[in-house]
Amino acid sequence: MTRSRTMPNPPGHAGSVAFPWLPAMQAPTIEAALRDVDSPKVRFRRDAAFALRDAAGEQSGAAVAALRKLLDDADAVVRALALESLGVRRETDALEAVLRKVDDPDEAVRAAAVEAAAALVEEPGRLLPLVRHEKPDVRAAACEVLAERGGSDVEQALAAALEDEVAEVRATAAAMLGWWYPGRRPAELRRALEDPDAVVRLAAADGLAWAGDDSGREVLLRIVRGGVRDEVWERAFARLARVARSEDAPLLAANGRWPTGRRRRLLALAGLARLGDESARFHLRKWLSHRDPQRRGEALLAVGLAGAAEFQPEIEQELGRPESPLFPAAVYAAIQLAEPSLAPVLVRTARAAADRAVFEELAAAAADLVRVLGDRAPADLAALAEAEFEARGADGEDGAEPEPADG
């Protein structure tokens, strides 16, 4: 779905592209990045393509020119990072150059081009032709980014994409319709339940179940009760944990004890907790207070996916600590939980953020929640979704106020 609904940690992170051990604070200066654009060493060009997104003031023009040059670099990662940086910078004048990279020979670059183009266009209609692109990965990526922008034309394009010849595109279209347009296209999604591809059927069932349609829940149950325990089964079980009813408790309980895999066990416990099982709640609280941050993060993800709202305070606690290793998991869990009452902590953390990446992650999460919540979205959450990052001043006060973007 959106970038914030996948585990945040974009491939363009300066410390993970060339030097996995290099902290982000040691990324090259803008001056060094401008020099490194012409470096014979690919790792320097990769770092430069990432670092130049932060160029400001007098360096902006040179940075944009350098990023445009890197769009034609021999290294695919450099090209993808340059596209990503142009999108982050909202360099609308670079739109045509970005759109040309949709035909790049590398799939990751094509995906980055679609993402960047979505950040640069004012009207989503400009991207509608990409839903009919000759490359199926481009069509699928276009379905994702267009769904986030919304609109009746986009909704119609997604419904039409359910008839695409490639299963990946049909699955993406079904998932996007289910998440962004819940309850709006039940007839099309019910037809997709009969799709020959299991992933498409799962996406359609997920969307219908999310909107409270029993036909979706029944398909999820059918997959979990009778399917091979493959990736489709695991995803179906994760979604079932959110929509399970009291009569499904034995099925959840059977998967909630050792030696079941940890992720499945946590999802089962979260689903049972949502249904009021006190034993499951007790065990989940133990996981959420575990000394291992990875286990705590997995528990946060599980309660978010299962919609276990009683654990919202634990999610809010980590949302207020961007420096915590659990922060990305908390953001993901908050989006999945989709509760309007999460707005105050998201806005408060964004206002205090001195780091652009943190602010933009929170703003993206707010945008996701606004679309999902619809009329239930609080006004301050909607303002954060449209806000632009404002660097912390020299006095250290008011790091990043969510100011509405121009236009």
Protein backbone atom coordinates (compact mmCIF):
# COMPACT_ATOMS: atom_id res chain seq x y z
CA MET A 1 0.00 0.00 0.00
CA THR A 2 1.53 3.28 0.85
CA ARG A 3 5.12 3.60 1.79
CA SER A 4 4.12 4.06 5.40
CA ARG A 5 2.12 0.82 5.40
CA THR A 6 5.13 -1.18 4.48
CA MET A 7 7.78 -1.39 7.16
CA PRO A 8 9.46 2.01 6.95
CA ASN A 9 13.15 1.82 6.19
CA PRO A 10 13.42 2.90 2.59
CA PRO A 11 16.18 1.42 0.45
CA GLY A 12 17.56 4.90 -0.02
CA HIS A 13 18.78 5.26 3.56
CA ALA A 14 22.28 6.74 3.37
CA GLY A 15 23.64 4.31 5.91
CA SER A 16 22.23 1.21 4.27
CA VAL A 17 22.99 1.71 0.59
CA ALA A 18 26.76 1.87 0.44
CA PHE A 19 27.82 1.35 4.04
CA PRO A 20 25.40 -0.72 6.12
CA TRP A 21 27.33 0.17 9.28
CA LEU A 22 27.38 3.93 8.63
CA PRO A 23 24.94 5.96 10.77
CA ALA A 24 22.75 8.37 8.85
CA MET A 25 24.32 11.30 10.71
CA GLN A 26 27.58 10.53 8.91
CA ALA A 27 26.08 10.94 5.44
CA PRO A 28 28.21 13.13 3.17
CA THR A 29 27.90 16.91 3.28
CA ILE A 30 26.15 18.57 0.36
CA GLU A 31 29.48 19.90 -0.91
CA ALA A 32 30.97 16.41 -0.86
CA ALA A 33 27.86 14.94 -2.46
CA LEU A 34 28.06 17.41 -5.34
CA ARG A 35 31.66 16.34 -5.94
CA ASP A 36 30.82 12.65 -5.64
CA VAL A 37 28.28 12.80 -8.47
CA ASP A 38 31.21 12.23 -10.84
CA SER A 39 33.06 9.75 -8.63
CA PRO A 40 34.19 6.51 -10.29
CA LYS A 41 33.15 4.70 -7.09
CA VAL A 42 29.53 3.66 -7.19
CA ARG A 43 29.14 3.72 -3.41
CA PHE A 44 29.98 7.45 -3.39
CA ARG A 45 27.46 8.17 -6.13
CA ARG A 46 24.81 6.25 -4.22
CA ASP A 47 25.44 8.27 -1.08
CA ALA A 48 25.39 11.47 -3.13
CA ALA A 49 22.06 10.58 -4.76
CA PHE A 50 20.56 10.21 -1.31
CA ALA A 51 22.23 13.16 0.42
CA LEU A 52 21.33 15.73 -2.24
CA ARG A 53 17.67 15.58 -1.29
CA ASP A 54 18.54 17.75 1.72
CA ALA A 55 20.31 20.52 -0.22
CA ALA A 56 18.84 23.95 0.47
CA GLY A 57 19.40 27.60 -0.32
CA GLU A 58 22.12 28.40 -2.82
CA GLN A 59 22.93 24.70 -3.20
CA SER A 60 19.45 23.75 -4.39
CA GLY A 61 19.97 24.49 -8.06
CA ALA A 62 23.24 22.56 -8.25
CA ALA A 63 21.68 19.66 -6.33
CA VAL A 64 18.74 19.37 -8.71
CA ALA A 65 21.04 19.50 -11.73
CA ALA A 66 23.20 16.78 -10.18
CA LEU A 67 20.19 14.59 -9.46
CA ARG A 68 18.98 14.97 -13.04
CA LYS A 69 22.41 13.86 -14.20
CA LEU A 70 22.30 10.83 -11.90
CA LEU A 71 19.05 9.70 -13.55
CA ASP A 72 21.23 8.37 -16.35
CA ASP A 73 23.87 6.78 -14.11
CA ALA A 74 25.08 3.30 -15.08
CA ASP A 75 24.12 1.97 -11.64
CA ALA A 76 20.43 1.16 -11.12
CA VAL A 77 20.53 1.94 -7.39
CA VAL A 78 21.91 5.40 -8.11
CA ARG A 79 19.12 6.03 -10.61
CA ALA A 80 16.47 4.88 -8.15
CA LEU A 81 17.88 7.05 -5.36
CA ALA A 82 18.05 10.08 -7.63
CA LEU A 83 14.39 9.60 -8.54
CA GLU A 84 13.47 9.19 -4.91
CA SER A 85 15.34 12.39 -3.99
CA LEU A 86 13.64 14.42 -6.72
CA GLY A 87 10.30 13.21 -5.40
CA VAL A 88 11.19 14.07 -1.81
CA ARG A 89 12.27 17.55 -2.91
CA ARG A 90 9.00 18.03 -4.85
CA GLU A 91 10.94 19.18 -7.92
CA THR A 92 7.92 19.53 -10.18
CA ASP A 93 10.03 20.86 -13.06
CA ALA A 94 11.69 17.43 -13.21
CA LEU A 95 8.41 15.59 -13.85
CA GLU A 96 9.05 14.86 -17.52
CA ALA A 97 12.54 13.52 -16.78
CA VAL A 98 11.10 11.35 -14.02
CA LEU A 99 8.32 9.98 -16.23
CA ARG A 100 10.87 8.93 -18.85
CA LYS A 101 12.44 6.58 -16.29
CA VAL A 102 9.18 4.61 -16.17
CA ASP A 103 10.64 2.83 -19.20
CA ASP A 104 13.97 2.10 -17.48
CA PRO A 105 15.27 -1.46 -18.02
CA ASP A 106 15.52 -2.00 -14.24
CA GLU A 107 12.32 -2.86 -12.36
CA ALA A 108 13.36 -1.10 -9.13
CA VAL A 109 14.06 2.08 -11.07
CA ARG A 110 10.67 1.87 -12.78
CA ALA A 111 9.00 1.55 -9.38
CA ALA A 112 10.95 4.53 -8.03
CA ALA A 113 9.94 6.56 -11.09
CA VAL A 114 6.25 5.87 -10.50
CA GLU A 115 6.59 6.82 -6.81
CA ALA A 116 8.47 10.01 -7.64
CA ALA A 117 6.01 10.98 -10.36
CA ALA A 118 3.16 10.60 -7.88
CA ALA A 119 4.90 13.07 -5.59
CA LEU A 120 5.34 15.60 -8.40
CA VAL A 121 1.95 15.69 -10.14
CA GLU A 122 -0.84 17.93 -8.92
CA GLU A 123 -3.63 15.99 -10.60
CA PRO A 124 -3.65 12.17 -10.40
CA GLY A 125 -5.17 12.04 -13.88
CA ARG A 126 -1.70 12.70 -15.27
CA LEU A 127 -0.68 9.22 -14.09
CA LEU A 128 -3.75 7.31 -15.28
CA PRO A 129 -2.02 6.21 -18.53
CA LEU A 130 0.47 4.27 -16.39
CA VAL A 131 -2.32 1.85 -15.41
CA ARG A 132 -2.21 0.75 -19.05
CA HIS A 133 1.59 0.68 -19.39
CA GLU A 134 3.11 -2.27 -21.23
CA LYS A 135 5.07 -3.37 -18.13
CA PRO A 136 2.90 -5.12 -15.52
CA ASP A 137 5.10 -3.93 -12.64
CA VAL A 138 4.48 -0.34 -13.73
CA ARG A 139 0.74 -0.97 -13.93
CA ALA A 140 0.76 -2.44 -10.42
CA ALA A 141 2.85 0.42 -9.01
CA ALA A 142 0.54 2.94 -10.67
CA CYS A 143 -2.46 1.30 -9.02
CA GLU A 144 -0.82 1.79 -5.63
CA VAL A 145 0.19 5.43 -5.98
CA LEU A 146 -3.05 6.46 -7.68
CA ALA A 147 -5.15 4.82 -4.99
CA GLU A 148 -3.48 7.02 -2.40
CA ARG A 149 -4.43 10.14 -4.36
CA GLY A 150 -8.08 9.14 -4.69
CA GLY A 151 -10.82 10.38 -6.98
CA SER A 152 -13.62 8.81 -9.00
CA ASP A 153 -11.43 8.43 -12.11
CA VAL A 154 -8.87 6.52 -10.06
CA GLU A 155 -11.55 4.33 -8.55
CA GLN A 156 -12.81 3.46 -12.03
CA ALA A 157 -9.28 2.71 -13.24
CA LEU A 158 -8.71 0.35 -10.31
CA ALA A 159 -11.97 -1.44 -11.00
CA ALA A 160 -10.93 -1.87 -14.63
CA ALA A 161 -7.53 -3.19 -13.53
CA LEU A 162 -9.31 -6.12 -11.87
CA GLU A 163 -9.58 -7.50 -15.41
CA ASP A 164 -5.84 -7.16 -16.15
CA GLU A 165 -4.19 -10.19 -17.74
CA VAL A 166 -1.45 -10.27 -15.06
CA ALA A 167 -2.35 -11.54 -11.58
CA GLU A 168 0.04 -9.13 -9.83
CA VAL A 169 -1.87 -6.17 -11.25
CA ARG A 170 -5.28 -7.66 -10.41
CA ALA A 171 -4.15 -8.37 -6.84
CA THR A 172 -2.84 -4.85 -6.37
CA ALA A 173 -6.03 -3.33 -7.76
CA ALA A 174 -8.16 -5.48 -5.45
CA ALA A 175 -6.05 -4.58 -2.43
CA MET A 176 -6.21 -0.86 -3.23
CA LEU A 177 -9.96 -0.89 -3.77
CA GLY A 178 -10.45 -2.75 -0.51
CA TRP A 179 -8.25 -0.46 1.55
CA TRP A 180 -8.90 2.98 0.04
CA TYR A 181 -12.49 2.53 -1.13
CA PRO A 182 -14.01 0.23 1.50
CA GLY A 183 -17.54 -0.78 0.65
CA ARG A 184 -17.54 1.18 -2.62
CA ARG A 185 -16.95 -1.69 -5.08
CA PRO A 186 -18.38 -4.81 -3.43
CA ALA A 187 -19.72 -6.31 -6.67
CA GLU A 188 -16.34 -6.15 -8.41
CA LEU A 189 -14.51 -7.52 -5.37
CA ARG A 190 -16.98 -10.37 -4.99
CA ARG A 191 -16.31 -11.33 -8.61
CA ALA A 192 -12.60 -11.26 -7.80
CA LEU A 193 -13.24 -13.90 -5.13
CA GLU A 194 -13.56 -16.33 -8.05
CA ASP A 195 -10.24 -15.29 -9.62
CA PRO A 196 -7.99 -18.22 -10.61
CA ASP A 197 -5.08 -16.68 -8.67
CA ALA A 198 -5.02 -17.23 -4.90
CA VAL A 199 -3.33 -13.89 -4.17
CA VAL A 200 -6.09 -12.02 -6.02
CA ARG A 201 -8.77 -13.93 -4.12
CA LEU A 202 -7.04 -13.09 -0.85
CA ALA A 203 -6.79 -9.37 -1.68
CA ALA A 204 -10.48 -9.25 -2.59
CA ALA A 205 -11.48 -11.15 0.55
CA ASP A 206 -9.35 -8.84 2.67
CA GLY A 207 -11.00 -5.74 1.23
CA LEU A 208 -14.50 -7.11 1.66
CA ALA A 209 -13.81 -8.28 5.21
CA TRP A 210 -12.35 -4.87 6.09
CA ALA A 211 -15.65 -3.29 5.02
CA GLY A 212 -17.64 -5.78 7.10
CA ASP A 213 -18.78 -7.94 4.18
CA ASP A 214 -19.32 -11.53 5.31
CA SER A 215 -18.34 -12.94 1.93
CA GLY A 216 -14.77 -11.74 2.52
CA ARG A 217 -14.59 -13.23 6.00
CA GLU A 218 -15.91 -16.55 4.72
CA VAL A 219 -13.14 -16.77 2.13
CA LEU A 220 -10.52 -15.95 4.76
CA LEU A 221 -11.92 -18.71 6.95
CA ARG A 222 -11.91 -21.14 4.04
CA ILE A 223 -8.25 -20.40 3.31
CA VAL A 224 -7.21 -20.77 6.94
CA ARG A 225 -9.19 -23.94 7.57
CA GLY A 226 -8.28 -25.81 4.44
CA GLY A 227 -5.30 -24.22 2.77
CA VAL A 228 -1.66 -25.15 2.65
CA ARG A 229 0.27 -23.07 5.16
CA ASP A 230 2.07 -20.94 2.62
CA GLU A 231 2.41 -17.17 2.32
CA VAL A 232 -1.22 -16.78 1.25
CA TRP A 233 -2.32 -18.76 4.30
CA GLU A 234 -0.22 -16.58 6.62
CA ARG A 235 -1.64 -13.38 5.16
CA ALA A 236 -5.18 -14.70 5.37
CA PHE A 237 -4.66 -15.61 9.01
CA ALA A 238 -3.30 -12.13 9.75
CA ARG A 239 -6.44 -10.56 8.30
CA LEU A 240 -8.74 -13.06 9.96
CA ALA A 241 -7.35 -12.03 13.36
CA ARG A 242 -8.94 -8.62 12.79
CA VAL A 243 -12.39 -9.76 11.69
CA ALA A 244 -12.75 -12.97 13.72
CA ARG A 245 -15.91 -13.49 15.74
CA SER A 246 -16.45 -15.31 18.99
CA GLU A 247 -17.21 -18.55 17.15
CA ASP A 248 -13.75 -18.33 15.56
CA ALA A 249 -11.97 -18.25 18.94
CA PRO A 250 -11.07 -21.98 18.91
CA LEU A 251 -9.37 -21.54 15.52
CA LEU A 252 -7.34 -18.62 16.87
CA ALA A 253 -6.52 -20.46 20.09
CA ALA A 254 -5.20 -23.46 18.15
CA ASN A 255 -2.65 -21.15 16.54
CA GLY A 256 -1.89 -19.16 19.67
CA ARG A 257 0.32 -21.60 21.50
CA TRP A 258 3.78 -23.06 21.12
CA PRO A 259 5.24 -24.53 18.87
CA THR A 260 3.34 -22.29 16.44
CA GLY A 261 5.60 -19.69 14.83
CA ARG A 262 6.03 -16.48 16.79
CA ARG A 263 4.34 -14.12 14.34
CA ARG A 264 1.29 -16.34 13.92
CA ARG A 265 1.13 -16.91 17.67
CA LEU A 266 1.15 -13.17 18.35
CA LEU A 267 -1.57 -12.52 15.76
CA ALA A 268 -3.71 -15.24 17.32
CA LEU A 269 -3.23 -13.75 20.78
CA ALA A 270 -4.07 -10.27 19.49
CA GLY A 271 -7.21 -11.56 17.79
CA LEU A 272 -8.26 -13.35 20.98
CA ALA A 273 -7.52 -10.23 23.03
CA ARG A 274 -9.77 -8.21 20.74
CA LEU A 275 -12.51 -10.76 21.44
CA GLY A 276 -12.03 -10.24 25.19
CA ASP A 277 -9.82 -13.20 26.13
CA GLU A 278 -8.08 -12.13 29.37
CA SER A 279 -5.42 -14.83 29.14
CA ALA A 280 -4.44 -13.62 25.68
CA ARG A 281 -4.28 -10.04 26.96
CA PHE A 282 -2.00 -11.11 29.80
CA HIS A 283 0.40 -12.90 27.45
CA LEU A 284 0.42 -9.99 25.00
CA ARG A 285 1.33 -7.55 27.77
CA LYS A 286 4.25 -9.80 28.63
CA TRP A 287 5.39 -9.63 25.01
CA LEU A 288 4.96 -5.86 24.94
CA SER A 289 7.21 -5.50 27.98
CA HIS A 290 9.83 -8.01 26.80
CA ARG A 291 13.44 -6.87 27.11
CA ASP A 292 14.08 -7.75 23.46
CA PRO A 293 12.96 -4.77 21.32
CA GLN A 294 12.40 -7.00 18.30
CA ARG A 295 9.84 -9.05 20.20
CA ARG A 296 8.15 -5.90 21.49
CA GLY A 297 8.01 -4.59 17.93
CA GLU A 298 6.44 -7.82 16.66
CA ALA A 299 3.82 -7.58 19.40
CA LEU A 300 3.03 -3.98 18.44
CA LEU A 301 2.54 -5.01 14.82
CA ALA A 302 0.26 -7.86 15.85
CA VAL A 303 -2.04 -5.72 17.99
CA GLY A 304 -2.26 -3.14 15.20
CA LEU A 305 -3.05 -5.71 12.52
CA ALA A 306 -5.65 -7.38 14.72
CA GLY A 307 -7.28 -4.07 15.66
CA ALA A 308 -6.80 -4.72 19.39
CA ALA A 309 -7.66 -1.17 20.50
CA GLU A 310 -7.06 -1.87 24.19
CA PHE A 311 -3.33 -1.77 23.44
CA GLN A 312 -3.48 1.71 21.93
CA PRO A 313 -1.59 3.22 24.92
CA GLU A 314 1.39 0.97 24.15
CA ILE A 315 1.34 2.10 20.52
CA GLU A 316 1.07 5.76 21.55
CA GLN A 317 4.01 5.41 23.91
CA GLU A 318 6.31 4.36 21.07
CA LEU A 319 4.82 6.90 18.65
CA GLY A 320 6.02 9.60 21.01
CA ARG A 321 9.61 8.36 20.86
CA PRO A 322 11.00 8.67 17.31
CA GLU A 323 14.45 7.70 18.58
CA SER A 324 13.12 4.31 19.68
CA PRO A 325 13.84 1.26 17.51
CA LEU A 326 10.13 0.48 17.86
CA PHE A 327 9.01 3.74 16.25
CA PRO A 328 8.54 2.31 12.70
CA ALA A 329 6.53 -0.60 14.09
CA ALA A 330 4.38 1.81 16.11
CA VAL A 331 3.65 3.93 13.02
CA TYR A 332 2.64 0.84 11.05
CA ALA A 333 0.51 -0.41 13.95
CA ALA A 334 -1.21 2.97 14.28
CA ILE A 335 -2.23 2.95 10.62
CA GLN A 336 -3.61 -0.56 10.87
CA LEU A 337 -5.46 0.25 14.10
CA ALA A 338 -7.07 3.26 12.36
CA GLU A 339 -8.46 5.01 15.44
CA PRO A 340 -9.22 8.77 15.33
CA SER A 341 -7.99 9.08 18.91
CA LEU A 342 -4.42 8.44 17.70
CA ALA A 343 -4.35 11.91 16.10
CA PRO A 344 -3.07 13.90 19.12
CA VAL A 345 0.09 11.86 19.62
CA LEU A 346 0.87 11.82 15.88
CA VAL A 347 0.49 15.60 15.65
CA ARG A 348 2.41 16.24 18.86
CA THR A 349 5.33 14.09 17.76
CA ALA A 350 5.39 15.72 14.33
CA ARG A 351 5.47 19.20 15.85
CA ALA A 352 8.47 18.26 17.95
CA ALA A 353 10.33 16.49 15.14
CA ALA A 354 13.70 17.96 14.22
CA ASP A 355 14.36 15.25 11.64
CA ARG A 356 12.80 15.51 8.18
CA ALA A 357 12.51 11.73 7.78
CA VAL A 358 10.57 11.40 11.05
CA PHE A 359 8.24 14.25 10.14
CA GLU A 360 7.56 12.91 6.65
CA GLU A 361 6.88 9.43 8.00
CA LEU A 362 4.32 10.87 10.42
CA ALA A 363 2.78 13.06 7.71
CA ALA A 364 2.47 10.04 5.41
CA ALA A 365 0.85 8.06 8.22
CA ALA A 366 -1.57 10.93 8.81
CA ALA A 367 -2.46 10.98 5.12
CA ASP A 368 -3.15 7.25 5.20
CA LEU A 369 -5.35 7.60 8.27
CA VAL A 370 -7.27 10.54 6.84
CA ARG A 371 -8.19 8.51 3.76
CA VAL A 372 -9.13 5.44 5.80
CA LEU A 373 -11.07 7.34 8.48
CA GLY A 374 -12.90 9.59 6.04
CA ASP A 375 -15.33 11.87 7.87
CA ARG A 376 -14.08 10.57 11.22
CA ALA A 377 -10.60 12.05 10.68
CA PRO A 378 -9.85 14.92 13.11
CA ALA A 379 -8.99 18.31 11.60
CA ASP A 380 -5.48 18.41 13.09
CA LEU A 381 -4.72 15.03 11.55
CA ALA A 382 -5.85 16.31 8.16
CA ALA A 383 -3.63 19.39 8.62
CA LEU A 384 -0.63 17.18 9.37
CA ALA A 385 -1.31 15.14 6.23
CA GLU A 386 -0.91 18.33 4.14
CA ALA A 387 1.96 19.84 6.15
CA GLU A 388 5.52 20.53 5.02
CA PHE A 389 8.63 20.00 7.12
CA GLU A 390 10.00 23.13 8.76
CA ALA A 391 13.55 22.79 10.10
CA ARG A 392 14.28 23.53 13.74
CA GLY A 393 15.51 27.07 14.19
CA ALA A 394 18.73 28.17 15.78
CA ASP A 395 17.01 28.63 19.15
CA GLY A 396 16.00 24.98 19.12
CA GLU A 397 12.32 25.81 19.43
CA ASP A 398 9.39 24.55 17.42
CA GLY A 399 11.12 21.96 15.32
CA ALA A 400 8.50 21.19 12.71
CA GLU A 401 5.11 22.81 12.85
CA PRO A 402 2.57 21.18 10.56
CA GLU A 403 1.92 24.13 8.26
CA PRO A 404 -0.44 23.44 5.37
CA ALA A 405 1.32 23.19 2.04
CA ASP A 406 0.74 25.93 -0.52
CA GLY A 407 -2.25 25.23 -2.68
